[in-house]
């Protein structure tokens, strides 16, 4: 990001421009909109786990999802 002061800020992707190959991101704190390259975005997905038969104690837990590319698998971090 050329505006390094925004590194670590949180926002919502509102649009993708195929012409510039960038996402428009609206920042949560200020409402400012930035044009951001895909490689400069860290996506955080919050989930609630359900339907696990082998480990039912995990059902109802919430966590953050990330993709581990070299293992071709998603993982969930569950805060204790």
C-alpha atoms as a PDB file:
ATOM      1  CA  UNK A   1       0.000   0.000   0.000  1.00  0.00           C
ATOM      2  CA  UNK A   2       1.381   3.384  -0.903  1.00  0.00           C
ATOM      3  CA  UNK A   3      -0.573   4.778   2.058  1.00  0.00           C
ATOM      4  CA  UNK A   4       1.300   2.708   4.644  1.00  0.00           C
ATOM      5  CA  UNK A   5      -0.456   4.509   7.467  1.00  0.00           C
ATOM      6  CA  UNK A   6      -3.491   2.325   6.666  1.00  0.00           C
ATOM      7  CA  UNK A   7      -1.662  -0.984   7.193  1.00  0.00           C
ATOM      8  CA  UNK A   8      -3.593  -2.915   9.819  1.00  0.00           C
ATOM      9  CA  UNK A   9      -6.778  -0.880   9.385  1.00  0.00           C
ATOM     10  CA  UNK A  10     -10.067  -2.736   9.058  1.00  0.00           C
ATOM     11  CA  UNK A  11     -12.594  -2.175   6.349  1.00  0.00           C
ATOM     12  CA  UNK A  12     -15.207  -3.676   4.074  1.00  0.00           C
ATOM     13  CA  UNK A  13     -14.687  -4.510   0.414  1.00  0.00           C
ATOM     14  CA  UNK A  14     -17.409  -2.661  -1.462  1.00  0.00           C
ATOM     15  CA  UNK A  15     -16.440  -3.250  -5.083  1.00  0.00           C
ATOM     16  CA  UNK A  16     -13.889  -4.798  -7.440  1.00  0.00           C
ATOM     17  CA  UNK A  17     -12.612  -2.896 -10.477  1.00  0.00           C
ATOM     18  CA  UNK A  18     -11.571  -5.238 -13.278  1.00  0.00           C
ATOM     19  CA  UNK A  19     -10.116  -2.224 -15.119  1.00  0.00           C
ATOM     20  CA  UNK A  20      -7.588  -1.502 -12.348  1.00  0.00           C
ATOM     21  CA  UNK A  21      -7.629  -5.013 -10.810  1.00  0.00           C
ATOM     22  CA  UNK A  22      -8.095  -3.466  -7.376  1.00  0.00           C
ATOM     23  CA  UNK A  23     -10.657  -3.653  -4.621  1.00  0.00           C
ATOM     24  CA  UNK A  24     -12.391  -0.588  -3.234  1.00  0.00           C
ATOM     25  CA  UNK A  25     -12.257  -0.826   0.547  1.00  0.00           C
ATOM     26  CA  UNK A  26     -14.265   1.390   2.879  1.00  0.00           C
ATOM     27  CA  UNK A  27     -12.423   1.874   6.152  1.00  0.00           C
ATOM     28  CA  UNK A  28     -14.460   1.316   9.286  1.00  0.00           C
ATOM     29  CA  UNK A  29     -13.016   4.122  11.406  1.00  0.00           C
ATOM     30  CA  UNK A  30     -13.195   7.002   8.928  1.00  0.00           C
ATOM     31  CA  UNK A  31     -15.405   5.808   6.078  1.00  0.00           C
ATOM     32  CA  UNK A  32     -12.564   6.704   3.709  1.00  0.00           C
ATOM     33  CA  UNK A  33     -12.398   4.581   0.535  1.00  0.00           C
ATOM     34  CA  UNK A  34      -9.100   3.127  -0.698  1.00  0.00           C
ATOM     35  CA  UNK A  35      -8.202   1.345  -3.935  1.00  0.00           C
ATOM     36  CA  UNK A  36      -6.205  -1.718  -2.845  1.00  0.00           C
ATOM     37  CA  UNK A  37      -4.335  -4.440  -4.747  1.00  0.00           C
ATOM     38  CA  UNK A  38      -5.516  -7.993  -3.903  1.00  0.00           C
ATOM     39  CA  UNK A  39      -2.092  -8.961  -2.533  1.00  0.00           C
ATOM     40  CA  UNK A  40      -2.376  -6.160   0.050  1.00  0.00           C
ATOM     41  CA  UNK A  41      -5.602  -7.452   1.575  1.00  0.00           C
ATOM     42  CA  UNK A  42      -5.806  -9.842   4.497  1.00  0.00           C
ATOM     43  CA  UNK A  43      -9.282 -11.310   4.689  1.00  0.00           C
ATOM     44  CA  UNK A  44     -10.585 -12.379   8.059  1.00  0.00           C
ATOM     45  CA  UNK A  45     -13.651 -14.559   8.188  1.00  0.00           C
ATOM     46  CA  UNK A  46     -15.500 -15.169  11.456  1.00  0.00           C
ATOM     47  CA  UNK A  47     -17.399 -18.458  11.678  1.00  0.00           C
ATOM     48  CA  UNK A  48     -19.528 -20.433  14.119  1.00  0.00           C
ATOM     49  CA  UNK A  49     -18.900 -24.181  14.123  1.00  0.00           C
ATOM     50  CA  UNK A  50     -21.774 -26.674  13.975  1.00  0.00           C
ATOM     51  CA  UNK A  51     -22.415 -30.243  12.918  1.00  0.00           C
ATOM     52  CA  UNK A  52     -19.110 -31.746  14.117  1.00  0.00           C
ATOM     53  CA  UNK A  53     -19.832 -35.330  15.132  1.00  0.00           C
ATOM     54  CA  UNK A  54     -16.307 -36.466  16.012  1.00  0.00           C
ATOM     55  CA  UNK A  55     -15.662 -33.489  18.353  1.00  0.00           C
ATOM     56  CA  UNK A  56     -19.071 -32.227  19.532  1.00  0.00           C
ATOM     57  CA  UNK A  57     -17.444 -29.978  22.144  1.00  0.00           C
ATOM     58  CA  UNK A  58     -16.454 -27.678  19.230  1.00  0.00           C
ATOM     59  CA  UNK A  59     -20.069 -27.114  18.170  1.00  0.00           C
ATOM     60  CA  UNK A  60     -21.137 -23.567  19.014  1.00  0.00           C
ATOM     61  CA  UNK A  61     -17.549 -22.272  19.151  1.00  0.00           C
ATOM     62  CA  UNK A  62     -16.580 -19.273  17.050  1.00  0.00           C
ATOM     63  CA  UNK A  63     -13.278 -18.648  15.338  1.00  0.00           C
ATOM     64  CA  UNK A  64     -11.279 -17.080  12.528  1.00  0.00           C
ATOM     65  CA  UNK A  65     -10.682 -18.918   9.236  1.00  0.00           C
ATOM     66  CA  UNK A  66      -7.558 -18.845   7.090  1.00  0.00           C
ATOM     67  CA  UNK A  67      -6.355 -20.835   4.114  1.00  0.00           C
ATOM     68  CA  UNK A  68      -3.034 -22.700   4.197  1.00  0.00           C
ATOM     69  CA  UNK A  69      -2.066 -22.757   0.540  1.00  0.00           C
ATOM     70  CA  UNK A  70       0.699 -25.378   0.710  1.00  0.00           C
ATOM     71  CA  UNK A  71      -1.693 -27.811   2.461  1.00  0.00           C
ATOM     72  CA  UNK A  72      -4.741 -26.902   0.341  1.00  0.00           C
ATOM     73  CA  UNK A  73      -6.852 -26.672   3.475  1.00  0.00           C
ATOM     74  CA  UNK A  74      -8.753 -24.209   5.606  1.00  0.00           C
ATOM     75  CA  UNK A  75      -8.040 -23.938   9.319  1.00  0.00           C
ATOM     76  CA  UNK A  76     -10.028 -22.353  12.127  1.00  0.00           C
ATOM     77  CA  UNK A  77      -8.435 -20.574  15.076  1.00  0.00           C
ATOM     78  CA  UNK A  78     -10.642 -20.910  18.140  1.00  0.00           C
ATOM     79  CA  UNK A  79      -9.787 -18.545  20.991  1.00  0.00           C
ATOM     80  CA  UNK A  80      -9.883 -20.252  24.373  1.00  0.00           C
END
